[in-house]
Amino acid sequence: MVRASFITDRIMRKLGLNGRSIIPMIGGFACAIPSIMATRSIKSRRERLATMLVVPLMSCSARLPVYVLLVSVAIPFAEFWGPFHAQTFVITAAYMSGIIVAILLAFVFRIFQRDAMPSEFILELPAYQRPRIQTVVHQAWLKCLSFLSEAGKVIVIISMILWFLSNFGPSESMKKAETEGVILAQLDPSHEGEIKSNLRLEASYAGHLGKAFEPLIEPLGYDWKTGIALITSFAAREVFVGTMGTLFQSSEDDESGIRQKMQAQINPKTGKPLYGLPYALSLIVFYAFALQCMSTMAVMKREIGSWNWPIALFFIYGLIAYLGAYITYQMALHLQ
């Protein structure tokens, strides 16, 4: 990785970054949290900040379950688009789109920081050695303690808020949900728990928020259930799959059950599948760009020392995600 930094330094400098930036950016495909913490090795504050800003655009592993579910719902496994397998093409395009937007934003950030002095790149190329297990374990332990003591506090607070919104709601709505749950459970006793959970979630504050957001997200092809999933997945993107499983009365581990029930939904206005190809492509684009991760925001706040940049990025990337999802949905509708 040190040699990769040395080789890519000239290219990264044209984008206003540093050769050391390549390591956090590659790590961002696994998780943005340790990657943002890894930017500490960058000496220049400007280049370190620029690297932190683009790392969340790398499609992390938490996005992959969402991508897999959406392409499996909307694209048949045997379908090809020319010489490319359709499902593989869509997921690859999602990864590449994040890289392209990251490069563009890094270049824009460089334009606004044109007067800043470029940093020096002094890096010793160490000899190849066998890794020492003790050093790896010690460094991992220190990073975990640092994360838990600083960012963990913020994550726990936000998680408690999301838990409260998902489990409590207006008394009248919750009582009505309990009554309907008892009646429906008698008709289908084998799914009693899932039915009651679904109704409680719909009647909760999170459910009301999802329905309140529905007019805002309807131009993207989303319904109120997707709105709830967008809210709950702020804790972690992969929660989207579990939330949709709860809403469709399916086990979180039973992805095929979620897929079949989503495929069976019909849009009453158009008579076409509600969760078809336009919906899937739009939501993939949204998740590819949106800063939909409270842990990333918490770590970024810890590293920068202020909420200004994390909050600003949340809205900037949210706007990019919304516009990208809207354009994708409208184009997909016309091409159907």
C-alpha atoms as a PDB file:
ATOM      1  CA  MET A   1       0.000   0.000   0.000  1.00  0.00           C
ATOM      2  CA  VAL A   2       2.947   2.335   0.639  1.00  0.00           C
ATOM      3  CA  ARG A   3       4.179   1.695  -2.898  1.00  0.00           C
ATOM      4  CA  ALA A   4       0.657   2.289  -4.224  1.00  0.00           C
ATOM      5  CA  SER A   5       0.705   5.702  -2.512  1.00  0.00           C
ATOM      6  CA  PHE A   6       4.024   6.525  -4.152  1.00  0.00           C
ATOM      7  CA  ILE A   7       2.866   5.469  -7.626  1.00  0.00           C
ATOM      8  CA  THR A   8      -0.469   7.322  -7.496  1.00  0.00           C
ATOM      9  CA  ASP A   9       0.821  10.547  -5.877  1.00  0.00           C
ATOM     10  CA  ARG A  10       1.228  12.416  -9.193  1.00  0.00           C
ATOM     11  CA  ILE A  11      -2.289  11.508 -10.335  1.00  0.00           C
ATOM     12  CA  MET A  12      -3.900  12.269  -6.971  1.00  0.00           C
ATOM     13  CA  ARG A  13      -2.238  15.691  -6.793  1.00  0.00           C
ATOM     14  CA  LYS A  14      -4.015  16.724  -9.992  1.00  0.00           C
ATOM     15  CA  LEU A  15      -7.250  16.127  -8.083  1.00  0.00           C
ATOM     16  CA  GLY A  16      -6.113  18.115  -5.062  1.00  0.00           C
ATOM     17  CA  LEU A  17      -5.435  14.983  -3.022  1.00  0.00           C
ATOM     18  CA  ASN A  18      -2.291  13.209  -1.885  1.00  0.00           C
ATOM     19  CA  GLY A  19      -0.662   9.885  -2.676  1.00  0.00           C
ATOM     20  CA  ARG A  20      -1.562   8.784   0.828  1.00  0.00           C
ATOM     21  CA  SER A  21      -5.251   9.387  -0.028  1.00  0.00           C
ATOM     22  CA  ILE A  22      -5.384   6.224  -2.111  1.00  0.00           C
ATOM     23  CA  ILE A  23      -5.255   4.003   0.984  1.00  0.00           C
ATOM     24  CA  PRO A  24      -8.383   5.460   2.687  1.00  0.00           C
ATOM     25  CA  MET A  25     -10.181   5.526  -0.664  1.00  0.00           C
ATOM     26  CA  ILE A  26      -9.505   1.849  -1.316  1.00  0.00           C
ATOM     27  CA  GLY A  27     -10.458   1.053   2.277  1.00  0.00           C
ATOM     28  CA  GLY A  28     -13.723   2.915   1.726  1.00  0.00           C
ATOM     29  CA  PHE A  29     -14.964   0.030  -0.399  1.00  0.00           C
ATOM     30  CA  ALA A  30     -14.990  -2.035   2.794  1.00  0.00           C
ATOM     31  CA  CYS A  31     -16.111   0.616   5.295  1.00  0.00           C
ATOM     32  CA  ALA A  32     -15.828   4.394   5.447  1.00  0.00           C
ATOM     33  CA  ILE A  33     -15.343   4.471   9.227  1.00  0.00           C
ATOM     34  CA  PRO A  34     -11.772   3.083   9.506  1.00  0.00           C
ATOM     35  CA  SER A  35     -10.928   4.750   6.190  1.00  0.00           C
ATOM     36  CA  ILE A  36     -11.762   8.206   7.545  1.00  0.00           C
ATOM     37  CA  MET A  37      -9.678   7.435  10.634  1.00  0.00           C
ATOM     38  CA  ALA A  38      -6.823   6.362   8.327  1.00  0.00           C
ATOM     39  CA  THR A  39      -6.625   9.884   6.872  1.00  0.00           C
ATOM     40  CA  ARG A  40      -4.609  10.859   9.973  1.00  0.00           C
ATOM     41  CA  SER A  41      -1.485   9.843   8.058  1.00  0.00           C
ATOM     42  CA  ILE A  42      -2.037  12.788   5.649  1.00  0.00           C
ATOM     43  CA  LYS A  43      -0.077  15.793   6.943  1.00  0.00           C
ATOM     44  CA  SER A  44      -1.864  18.541   4.996  1.00  0.00           C
ATOM     45  CA  ARG A  45      -5.161  19.519   6.647  1.00  0.00           C
ATOM     46  CA  ARG A  46      -6.635  20.547   3.268  1.00  0.00           C
ATOM     47  CA  GLU A  47      -5.758  17.240   1.592  1.00  0.00           C
ATOM     48  CA  ARG A  48      -6.889  15.278   4.622  1.00  0.00           C
ATOM     49  CA  LEU A  49     -10.245  17.067   4.607  1.00  0.00           C
ATOM     50  CA  ALA A  50     -10.649  16.537   0.852  1.00  0.00           C
ATOM     51  CA  THR A  51      -9.936  12.820   1.281  1.00  0.00           C
ATOM     52  CA  MET A  52     -12.499  12.527   4.092  1.00  0.00           C
ATOM     53  CA  LEU A  53     -15.089  14.241   1.896  1.00  0.00           C
ATOM     54  CA  VAL A  54     -14.797  11.742  -0.973  1.00  0.00           C
ATOM     55  CA  VAL A  55     -14.335   8.517   1.016  1.00  0.00           C
ATOM     56  CA  PRO A  56     -18.124   8.121   1.719  1.00  0.00           C
ATOM     57  CA  LEU A  57     -18.729   7.952  -2.057  1.00  0.00           C
ATOM     58  CA  MET A  58     -16.833   4.670  -2.291  1.00  0.00           C
ATOM     59  CA  SER A  59     -19.504   1.941  -2.282  1.00  0.00           C
ATOM     60  CA  CYS A  60     -18.910   0.200   1.045  1.00  0.00           C
ATOM     61  CA  SER A  61     -19.859  -3.383   1.855  1.00  0.00           C
ATOM     62  CA  ALA A  62     -23.027  -2.182   3.632  1.00  0.00           C
ATOM     63  CA  ARG A  63     -24.441  -1.060   0.280  1.00  0.00           C
ATOM     64  CA  LEU A  64     -23.965  -4.463  -1.331  1.00  0.00           C
ATOM     65  CA  PRO A  65     -26.965  -6.218   0.341  1.00  0.00           C
ATOM     66  CA  VAL A  66     -29.174  -3.365  -0.880  1.00  0.00           C
ATOM     67  CA  TYR A  67     -27.801  -3.621  -4.423  1.00  0.00           C
ATOM     68  CA  VAL A  68     -28.211  -7.404  -4.481  1.00  0.00           C
ATOM     69  CA  LEU A  69     -31.811  -7.263  -3.254  1.00  0.00           C
ATOM     70  CA  LEU A  70     -32.838  -4.564  -5.734  1.00  0.00           C
ATOM     71  CA  VAL A  71     -31.275  -6.150  -8.820  1.00  0.00           C
ATOM     72  CA  SER A  72     -32.708  -9.555  -7.876  1.00  0.00           C
ATOM     73  CA  VAL A  73     -36.185  -8.002  -7.547  1.00  0.00           C
ATOM     74  CA  ALA A  74     -36.145  -6.034 -10.803  1.00  0.00           C
ATOM     75  CA  ILE A  75     -33.753  -7.892 -13.121  1.00  0.00           C
ATOM     76  CA  PRO A  76     -34.139 -11.595 -13.996  1.00  0.00           C
ATOM     77  CA  PHE A  77     -30.965 -13.597 -13.460  1.00  0.00           C
ATOM     78  CA  ALA A  78     -30.845 -14.782 -17.073  1.00  0.00           C
ATOM     79  CA  GLU A  79     -31.193 -11.293 -18.584  1.00  0.00           C
ATOM     80  CA  PHE A  80     -28.312  -9.803 -20.590  1.00  0.00           C
ATOM     81  CA  TRP A  81     -27.861  -6.249 -21.860  1.00  0.00           C
ATOM     82  CA  GLY A  82     -25.836  -6.844 -24.987  1.00  0.00           C
ATOM     83  CA  PRO A  83     -22.680  -8.768 -24.026  1.00  0.00           C
ATOM     84  CA  PHE A  84     -23.056  -7.909 -20.324  1.00  0.00           C
ATOM     85  CA  HIS A  85     -24.956  -9.788 -17.658  1.00  0.00           C
ATOM     86  CA  ALA A  86     -27.593  -7.242 -16.586  1.00  0.00           C
ATOM     87  CA  GLN A  87     -27.311  -7.747 -12.816  1.00  0.00           C
ATOM     88  CA  THR A  88     -23.515  -7.592 -12.871  1.00  0.00           C
ATOM     89  CA  PHE A  89     -23.573  -4.526 -15.110  1.00  0.00           C
ATOM     90  CA  VAL A  90     -25.882  -2.579 -12.772  1.00  0.00           C
ATOM     91  CA  ILE A  91     -23.873  -3.327  -9.624  1.00  0.00           C
ATOM     92  CA  THR A  92     -20.585  -2.519 -11.382  1.00  0.00           C
ATOM     93  CA  ALA A  93     -22.067   0.759 -12.649  1.00  0.00           C
ATOM     94  CA  ALA A  94     -23.103   1.642  -9.083  1.00  0.00           C
ATOM     95  CA  TYR A  95     -19.523   1.194  -7.879  1.00  0.00           C
ATOM     96  CA  MET A  96     -18.064   3.136 -10.813  1.00  0.00           C
ATOM     97  CA  SER A  97     -20.523   6.020 -10.432  1.00  0.00           C
ATOM     98  CA  GLY A  98     -19.315   6.616  -6.867  1.00  0.00           C
ATOM     99  CA  ILE A  99     -15.694   6.721  -8.046  1.00  0.00           C
ATOM    100  CA  ILE A 100     -16.489   9.158 -10.872  1.00  0.00           C
ATOM    101  CA  VAL A 101     -18.452  11.549  -8.632  1.00  0.00           C
ATOM    102  CA  ALA A 102     -15.684  11.370  -6.000  1.00  0.00           C
ATOM    103  CA  ILE A 103     -13.108  12.411  -8.612  1.00  0.00           C
ATOM    104  CA  LEU A 104     -15.307  15.305  -9.797  1.00  0.00           C
ATOM    105  CA  LEU A 105     -15.953  16.581  -6.273  1.00  0.00           C
ATOM    106  CA  ALA A 106     -12.269  16.328  -5.353  1.00  0.00           C
ATOM    107  CA  PHE A 107     -11.431  18.403  -8.417  1.00  0.00           C
ATOM    108  CA  VAL A 108     -14.092  20.997  -7.499  1.00  0.00           C
ATOM    109  CA  PHE A 109     -12.753  21.180  -3.962  1.00  0.00           C
ATOM    110  CA  ARG A 110      -9.272  21.764  -5.376  1.00  0.00           C
ATOM    111  CA  ILE A 111     -10.553  24.725  -7.435  1.00  0.00           C
ATOM    112  CA  PHE A 112     -11.927  26.411  -4.308  1.00  0.00           C
ATOM    113  CA  GLN A 113      -8.626  25.752  -2.498  1.00  0.00           C
ATOM    114  CA  ARG A 114      -6.393  26.859  -5.372  1.00  0.00           C
ATOM    115  CA  ASP A 115      -4.412  29.313  -3.238  1.00  0.00           C
ATOM    116  CA  ALA A 116      -3.399  26.669  -0.704  1.00  0.00           C
ATOM    117  CA  MET A 117       0.213  25.540  -0.789  1.00  0.00           C
ATOM    118  CA  PRO A 118       0.679  21.951  -2.026  1.00  0.00           C
ATOM    119  CA  SER A 119       2.083  19.594   0.574  1.00  0.00           C
ATOM    120  CA  GLU A 120       5.327  17.722   0.291  1.00  0.00           C
ATOM    121  CA  PHE A 121       5.227  13.993  -0.241  1.00  0.00           C
ATOM    122  CA  ILE A 122       8.000  12.366   1.750  1.00  0.00           C
ATOM    123  CA  LEU A 123       7.535   8.651   2.172  1.00  0.00           C
ATOM    124  CA  GLU A 124       9.972   5.946   3.086  1.00  0.00           C
ATOM    125  CA  LEU A 125       9.532   2.725   1.169  1.00  0.00           C
ATOM    126  CA  PRO A 126       9.952   0.018   3.802  1.00  0.00           C
ATOM    127  CA  ALA A 127      11.429  -3.349   3.025  1.00  0.00           C
ATOM    128  CA  TYR A 128       9.003  -6.233   2.618  1.00  0.00           C
ATOM    129  CA  GLN A 129       8.511  -7.973   5.950  1.00  0.00           C
ATOM    130  CA  ARG A 130       6.273 -10.583   7.400  1.00  0.00           C
ATOM    131  CA  PRO A 131       3.384  -9.024   9.366  1.00  0.00           C
ATOM    132  CA  ARG A 132       3.639  -9.226  13.154  1.00  0.00           C
ATOM    133  CA  ILE A 133       0.419 -10.508  14.661  1.00  0.00           C
ATOM    134  CA  GLN A 134       1.060  -8.657  17.933  1.00  0.00           C
ATOM    135  CA  THR A 135       1.359  -5.314  16.137  1.00  0.00           C
ATOM    136  CA  VAL A 136      -1.780  -5.907  14.078  1.00  0.00           C
ATOM    137  CA  VAL A 137      -3.837  -6.916  17.118  1.00  0.00           C
ATOM    138  CA  HIS A 138      -2.518  -3.998  19.187  1.00  0.00           C
ATOM    139  CA  GLN A 139      -3.292  -1.414  16.502  1.00  0.00           C
ATOM    140  CA  ALA A 140      -6.761  -2.905  15.896  1.00  0.00           C
ATOM    141  CA  TRP A 141      -7.463  -2.793  19.638  1.00  0.00           C
ATOM    142  CA  LEU A 142      -6.423   0.872  19.884  1.00  0.00           C
ATOM    143  CA  LYS A 143      -8.600   1.806  16.891  1.00  0.00           C
ATOM    144  CA  CYS A 144     -11.607  -0.024  18.382  1.00  0.00           C
ATOM    145  CA  LEU A 145     -11.204   1.722  21.732  1.00  0.00           C
ATOM    146  CA  SER A 146     -10.892   5.086  20.010  1.00  0.00           C
ATOM    147  CA  PHE A 147     -14.022   4.447  17.956  1.00  0.00           C
ATOM    148  CA  LEU A 148     -16.092   3.244  20.929  1.00  0.00           C
ATOM    149  CA  SER A 149     -15.031   6.069  23.233  1.00  0.00           C
ATOM    150  CA  GLU A 150     -15.642   8.893  20.750  1.00  0.00           C
ATOM    151  CA  ALA A 151     -17.924   8.037  17.822  1.00  0.00           C
ATOM    152  CA  GLY A 152     -19.700   5.280  19.752  1.00  0.00           C
ATOM    153  CA  LYS A 153     -21.382   7.793  22.045  1.00  0.00           C
ATOM    154  CA  VAL A 154     -23.035   9.576  19.138  1.00  0.00           C
ATOM    155  CA  ILE A 155     -24.030   6.298  17.467  1.00  0.00           C
ATOM    156  CA  VAL A 156     -25.713   5.002  20.645  1.00  0.00           C
ATOM    157  CA  ILE A 157     -27.734   8.212  21.028  1.00  0.00           C
ATOM    158  CA  ILE A 158     -28.923   8.199  17.396  1.00  0.00           C
ATOM    159  CA  SER A 159     -29.673   4.454  17.572  1.00  0.00           C
ATOM    160  CA  MET A 160     -31.835   5.037  20.639  1.00  0.00           C
ATOM    161  CA  ILE A 161     -33.733   7.764  18.775  1.00  0.00           C
ATOM    162  CA  LEU A 162     -34.313   5.473  15.771  1.00  0.00           C
ATOM    163  CA  TRP A 163     -35.389   2.624  18.078  1.00  0.00           C
ATOM    164  CA  PHE A 164     -37.865   4.919  19.796  1.00  0.00           C
ATOM    165  CA  LEU A 165     -39.300   6.155  16.489  1.00  0.00           C
ATOM    166  CA  SER A 166     -39.692   2.581  15.224  1.00  0.00           C
ATOM    167  CA  ASN A 167     -41.345   1.180  18.377  1.00  0.00           C
ATOM    168  CA  PHE A 168     -43.562   3.998  19.647  1.00  0.00           C
ATOM    169  CA  GLY A 169     -46.232   6.116  18.058  1.00  0.00           C
ATOM    170  CA  PRO A 170     -49.463   8.041  18.699  1.00  0.00           C
ATOM    171  CA  SER A 171     -51.583   6.122  21.222  1.00  0.00           C
ATOM    172  CA  GLU A 172     -54.649   5.928  18.982  1.00  0.00           C
ATOM    173  CA  SER A 173     -52.662   4.622  16.013  1.00  0.00           C
ATOM    174  CA  MET A 174     -50.835   2.039  18.140  1.00  0.00           C
ATOM    175  CA  LYS A 175     -54.094   0.814  19.737  1.00  0.00           C
ATOM    176  CA  LYS A 176     -55.667   0.490  16.304  1.00  0.00           C
ATOM    177  CA  ALA A 177     -52.626  -1.444  15.082  1.00  0.00           C
ATOM    178  CA  GLU A 178     -52.841  -3.816  18.055  1.00  0.00           C
ATOM    179  CA  THR A 179     -56.543  -4.458  17.402  1.00  0.00           C
ATOM    180  CA  GLU A 180     -55.990  -5.084  13.690  1.00  0.00           C
ATOM    181  CA  GLY A 181     -53.008  -7.282  14.543  1.00  0.00           C
ATOM    182  CA  VAL A 182     -55.117  -9.546  16.765  1.00  0.00           C
ATOM    183  CA  ILE A 183     -57.785  -9.918  14.064  1.00  0.00           C
ATOM    184  CA  LEU A 184     -55.326 -10.612  11.232  1.00  0.00           C
ATOM    185  CA  ALA A 185     -53.277 -12.967  13.402  1.00  0.00           C
ATOM    186  CA  GLN A 186     -56.356 -15.135  13.904  1.00  0.00           C
ATOM    187  CA  LEU A 187     -56.638 -15.478  10.139  1.00  0.00           C
ATOM    188  CA  ASP A 188     -52.956 -16.407   9.777  1.00  0.00           C
ATOM    189  CA  PRO A 189     -51.607 -17.693  13.129  1.00  0.00           C
ATOM    190  CA  SER A 190     -48.302 -18.872  11.605  1.00  0.00           C
ATOM    191  CA  HIS A 191     -47.276 -15.261  10.901  1.00  0.00           C
ATOM    192  CA  GLU A 192     -48.707 -13.641  14.022  1.00  0.00           C
ATOM    193  CA  GLY A 193     -45.445 -12.003  15.119  1.00  0.00           C
ATOM    194  CA  GLU A 194     -44.630 -10.632  11.679  1.00  0.00           C
ATOM    195  CA  ILE A 195     -48.161  -9.272  11.164  1.00  0.00           C
ATOM    196  CA  LYS A 196     -48.160  -7.420  14.479  1.00  0.00           C
ATOM    197  CA  SER A 197     -44.638  -6.115  13.889  1.00  0.00           C
ATOM    198  CA  ASN A 198     -45.639  -4.829  10.459  1.00  0.00           C
ATOM    199  CA  LEU A 199     -48.708  -3.015  11.791  1.00  0.00           C
ATOM    200  CA  ARG A 200     -46.834  -1.557  14.755  1.00  0.00           C
ATOM    201  CA  LEU A 201     -44.103  -0.241  12.467  1.00  0.00           C
ATOM    202  CA  GLU A 202     -46.693   1.354  10.175  1.00  0.00           C
ATOM    203  CA  ALA A 203     -48.405   2.995  13.158  1.00  0.00           C
ATOM    204  CA  SER A 204     -45.158   4.152  14.787  1.00  0.00           C
ATOM    205  CA  TYR A 205     -43.594   7.577  14.520  1.00  0.00           C
ATOM    206  CA  ALA A 206     -41.225   6.148  11.891  1.00  0.00           C
ATOM    207  CA  GLY A 207     -44.252   4.951   9.905  1.00  0.00           C
ATOM    208  CA  HIS A 208     -45.845   8.381  10.124  1.00  0.00           C
ATOM    209  CA  LEU A 209     -42.572   9.946   9.008  1.00  0.00           C
ATOM    210  CA  GLY A 210     -42.421   7.552   6.066  1.00  0.00           C
ATOM    211  CA  LYS A 211     -45.922   8.535   4.991  1.00  0.00           C
ATOM    212  CA  ALA A 212     -45.119  12.211   5.555  1.00  0.00           C
ATOM    213  CA  PHE A 213     -42.077  11.863   3.290  1.00  0.00           C
ATOM    214  CA  GLU A 214     -44.029   9.988   0.625  1.00  0.00           C
ATOM    215  CA  PRO A 215     -44.934  13.113  -1.407  1.00  0.00           C
ATOM    216  CA  LEU A 216     -41.241  14.060  -1.407  1.00  0.00           C
ATOM    217  CA  ILE A 217     -39.961  10.664  -2.520  1.00  0.00           C
ATOM    218  CA  GLU A 218     -42.850   9.742  -4.813  1.00  0.00           C
ATOM    219  CA  PRO A 219     -41.171  11.452  -7.832  1.00  0.00           C
ATOM    220  CA  LEU A 220     -38.308   8.977  -7.338  1.00  0.00           C
ATOM    221  CA  GLY A 221     -40.720   6.034  -7.575  1.00  0.00           C
ATOM    222  CA  TYR A 222     -40.745   5.247  -3.844  1.00  0.00           C
ATOM    223  CA  ASP A 223     -43.714   4.507  -1.609  1.00  0.00           C
ATOM    224  CA  TRP A 224     -44.150   5.038   2.143  1.00  0.00           C
ATOM    225  CA  LYS A 225     -42.637   1.640   2.928  1.00  0.00           C
ATOM    226  CA  THR A 226     -39.460   2.650   1.169  1.00  0.00           C
ATOM    227  CA  GLY A 227     -39.620   5.908   3.128  1.00  0.00           C
ATOM    228  CA  ILE A 228     -39.569   3.945   6.397  1.00  0.00           C
ATOM    229  CA  ALA A 229     -36.665   1.846   5.145  1.00  0.00           C
ATOM    230  CA  LEU A 230     -34.737   4.994   4.213  1.00  0.00           C
ATOM    231  CA  ILE A 231     -35.216   6.354   7.738  1.00  0.00           C
ATOM    232  CA  THR A 232     -34.244   3.156   9.562  1.00  0.00           C
ATOM    233  CA  SER A 233     -31.293   2.487   7.233  1.00  0.00           C
ATOM    234  CA  PHE A 234     -29.670   5.679   8.462  1.00  0.00           C
ATOM    235  CA  ALA A 235     -28.382   3.524  11.324  1.00  0.00           C
ATOM    236  CA  ALA A 236     -26.727   1.241   8.743  1.00  0.00           C
ATOM    237  CA  ARG A 237     -27.501   0.902   5.050  1.00  0.00           C
ATOM    238  CA  GLU A 238     -27.975  -2.876   5.168  1.00  0.00           C
ATOM    239  CA  VAL A 239     -30.893  -2.327   7.604  1.00  0.00           C
ATOM    240  CA  PHE A 240     -32.907  -1.497   4.472  1.00  0.00           C
ATOM    241  CA  VAL A 241     -33.194  -5.214   3.683  1.00  0.00           C
ATOM    242  CA  GLY A 242     -34.347  -6.098   7.197  1.00  0.00           C
ATOM    243  CA  THR A 243     -36.892  -3.271   7.251  1.00  0.00           C
ATOM    244  CA  MET A 244     -38.392  -4.330   3.930  1.00  0.00           C
ATOM    245  CA  GLY A 245     -38.493  -7.895   5.245  1.00  0.00           C
ATOM    246  CA  THR A 246     -40.441  -6.722   8.295  1.00  0.00           C
ATOM    247  CA  LEU A 247     -42.819  -4.653   6.196  1.00  0.00           C
ATOM    248  CA  PHE A 248     -43.503  -7.577   3.885  1.00  0.00           C
ATOM    249  CA  GLN A 249     -43.847 -10.031   6.792  1.00  0.00           C
ATOM    250  CA  SER A 250     -40.758 -11.987   5.861  1.00  0.00           C
ATOM    251  CA  SER A 251     -37.800 -13.148   7.919  1.00  0.00           C
ATOM    252  CA  GLU A 252     -34.735 -10.924   7.615  1.00  0.00           C
ATOM    253  CA  ASP A 253     -32.692 -13.931   6.500  1.00  0.00           C
ATOM    254  CA  ASP A 254     -35.279 -15.045   3.941  1.00  0.00           C
ATOM    255  CA  GLU A 255     -34.207 -12.816   1.057  1.00  0.00           C
ATOM    256  CA  SER A 256     -36.100 -14.920  -1.494  1.00  0.00           C
ATOM    257  CA  GLY A 257     -39.339 -14.298   0.442  1.00  0.00           C
ATOM    258  CA  ILE A 258     -38.761 -10.548   0.399  1.00  0.00           C
ATOM    259  CA  ARG A 259     -37.964 -10.678  -3.315  1.00  0.00           C
ATOM    260  CA  GLN A 260     -41.097 -12.602  -4.234  1.00  0.00           C
ATOM    261  CA  LYS A 261     -43.386 -10.348  -2.219  1.00  0.00           C
ATOM    262  CA  MET A 262     -41.831  -7.189  -3.629  1.00  0.00           C
ATOM    263  CA  GLN A 263     -42.172  -8.556  -7.168  1.00  0.00           C
ATOM    264  CA  ALA A 264     -45.864  -9.237  -6.537  1.00  0.00           C
ATOM    265  CA  GLN A 265     -46.645  -5.588  -5.696  1.00  0.00           C
ATOM    266  CA  ILE A 266     -48.489  -3.721  -8.463  1.00  0.00           C
ATOM    267  CA  ASN A 267     -48.684   0.030  -8.877  1.00  0.00           C
ATOM    268  CA  PRO A 268     -52.452   0.821  -8.845  1.00  0.00           C
ATOM    269  CA  LYS A 269     -51.923   3.921 -11.027  1.00  0.00           C
ATOM    270  CA  THR A 270     -49.981   2.284 -13.841  1.00  0.00           C
ATOM    271  CA  GLY A 271     -50.778  -1.409 -13.469  1.00  0.00           C
ATOM    272  CA  LYS A 272     -47.034  -2.159 -13.718  1.00  0.00           C
ATOM    273  CA  PRO A 273     -44.809  -3.672 -10.996  1.00  0.00           C
ATOM    274  CA  LEU A 274     -44.397  -1.205  -8.135  1.00  0.00           C
ATOM    275  CA  TYR A 275     -40.834  -2.323  -7.492  1.00  0.00           C
ATOM    276  CA  GLY A 276     -39.762  -2.700 -11.097  1.00  0.00           C
ATOM    277  CA  LEU A 277     -36.610  -1.725 -12.949  1.00  0.00           C
ATOM    278  CA  PRO A 278     -37.097   2.085 -12.692  1.00  0.00           C
ATOM    279  CA  TYR A 279     -37.584   1.780  -8.922  1.00  0.00           C
ATOM    280  CA  ALA A 280     -34.520  -0.437  -8.487  1.00  0.00           C
ATOM    281  CA  LEU A 281     -32.208   1.721 -10.603  1.00  0.00           C
ATOM    282  CA  SER A 282     -33.411   4.891  -8.873  1.00  0.00           C
ATOM    283  CA  LEU A 283     -32.850   3.489  -5.384  1.00  0.00           C
ATOM    284  CA  ILE A 284     -29.434   2.081  -6.280  1.00  0.00           C
ATOM    285  CA  VAL A 285     -28.368   5.529  -7.479  1.00  0.00           C
ATOM    286  CA  PHE A 286     -29.739   7.080  -4.288  1.00  0.00           C
ATOM    287  CA  TYR A 287     -27.805   4.712  -2.034  1.00  0.00           C
ATOM    288  CA  ALA A 288     -24.663   5.084  -4.155  1.00  0.00           C
ATOM    289  CA  PHE A 289     -24.467   8.831  -3.418  1.00  0.00           C
ATOM    290  CA  ALA A 290     -26.412   9.572  -0.222  1.00  0.00           C
ATOM    291  CA  LEU A 291     -24.523   9.904   3.068  1.00  0.00           C
ATOM    292  CA  GLN A 292     -26.938   7.402   4.614  1.00  0.00           C
ATOM    293  CA  CYS A 293     -24.750   6.328   7.542  1.00  0.00           C
ATOM    294  CA  MET A 294     -24.794   7.901  11.000  1.00  0.00           C
ATOM    295  CA  SER A 295     -21.568   6.096  11.965  1.00  0.00           C
ATOM    296  CA  THR A 296     -19.681   7.792   9.122  1.00  0.00           C
ATOM    297  CA  MET A 297     -21.019  11.197  10.171  1.00  0.00           C
ATOM    298  CA  ALA A 298     -20.078  10.552  13.795  1.00  0.00           C
ATOM    299  CA  VAL A 299     -16.515   9.549  12.917  1.00  0.00           C
ATOM    300  CA  MET A 300     -16.153  12.487  10.542  1.00  0.00           C
ATOM    301  CA  LYS A 301     -17.279  14.850  13.312  1.00  0.00           C
ATOM    302  CA  ARG A 302     -14.712  13.328  15.648  1.00  0.00           C
ATOM    303  CA  GLU A 303     -11.876  13.697  13.144  1.00  0.00           C
ATOM    304  CA  ILE A 304     -12.762  17.234  12.029  1.00  0.00           C
ATOM    305  CA  GLY A 305     -13.870  18.434  15.455  1.00  0.00           C
ATOM    306  CA  SER A 306     -17.090  20.020  14.215  1.00  0.00           C
ATOM    307  CA  TRP A 307     -20.534  19.023  12.935  1.00  0.00           C
ATOM    308  CA  ASN A 308     -20.383  21.641  10.156  1.00  0.00           C
ATOM    309  CA  TRP A 309     -18.829  19.454   7.469  1.00  0.00           C
ATOM    310  CA  PRO A 310     -20.759  16.233   8.274  1.00  0.00           C
ATOM    311  CA  ILE A 311     -24.097  18.072   8.215  1.00  0.00           C
ATOM    312  CA  ALA A 312     -23.165  19.980   5.068  1.00  0.00           C
ATOM    313  CA  LEU A 313     -22.113  16.759   3.338  1.00  0.00           C
ATOM    314  CA  PHE A 314     -25.331  15.044   4.433  1.00  0.00           C
ATOM    315  CA  PHE A 315     -27.390  17.639   2.550  1.00  0.00           C
ATOM    316  CA  ILE A 316     -24.997  18.019  -0.409  1.00  0.00           C
ATOM    317  CA  TYR A 317     -24.759  14.286  -1.046  1.00  0.00           C
ATOM    318  CA  GLY A 318     -28.478  13.964  -0.326  1.00  0.00           C
ATOM    319  CA  LEU A 319     -29.218  16.532  -3.031  1.00  0.00           C
ATOM    320  CA  ILE A 320     -26.896  14.776  -5.490  1.00  0.00           C
ATOM    321  CA  ALA A 321     -28.539  11.452  -4.637  1.00  0.00           C
ATOM    322  CA  TYR A 322     -32.052  12.877  -5.034  1.00  0.00           C
ATOM    323  CA  LEU A 323     -31.357  14.497  -8.399  1.00  0.00           C
ATOM    324  CA  GLY A 324     -29.508  11.423  -9.653  1.00  0.00           C
ATOM    325  CA  ALA A 325     -32.311   9.111  -8.531  1.00  0.00           C
ATOM    326  CA  TYR A 326     -34.978  11.369 -10.089  1.00  0.00           C
ATOM    327  CA  ILE A 327     -33.199  11.548 -13.457  1.00  0.00           C
ATOM    328  CA  THR A 328     -32.556   7.792 -13.412  1.00  0.00           C
ATOM    329  CA  TYR A 329     -36.192   6.999 -12.594  1.00  0.00           C
ATOM    330  CA  GLN A 330     -37.605   9.266 -15.285  1.00  0.00           C
ATOM    331  CA  MET A 331     -35.195   7.950 -17.920  1.00  0.00           C
ATOM    332  CA  ALA A 332     -35.944   4.335 -16.969  1.00  0.00           C
ATOM    333  CA  LEU A 333     -39.698   4.998 -17.194  1.00  0.00           C
ATOM    334  CA  HIS A 334     -39.394   6.363 -20.723  1.00  0.00           C
ATOM    335  CA  LEU A 335     -37.122   3.532 -21.841  1.00  0.00           C
ATOM    336  CA  GLN A 336     -39.458   0.800 -20.556  1.00  0.00           C
END
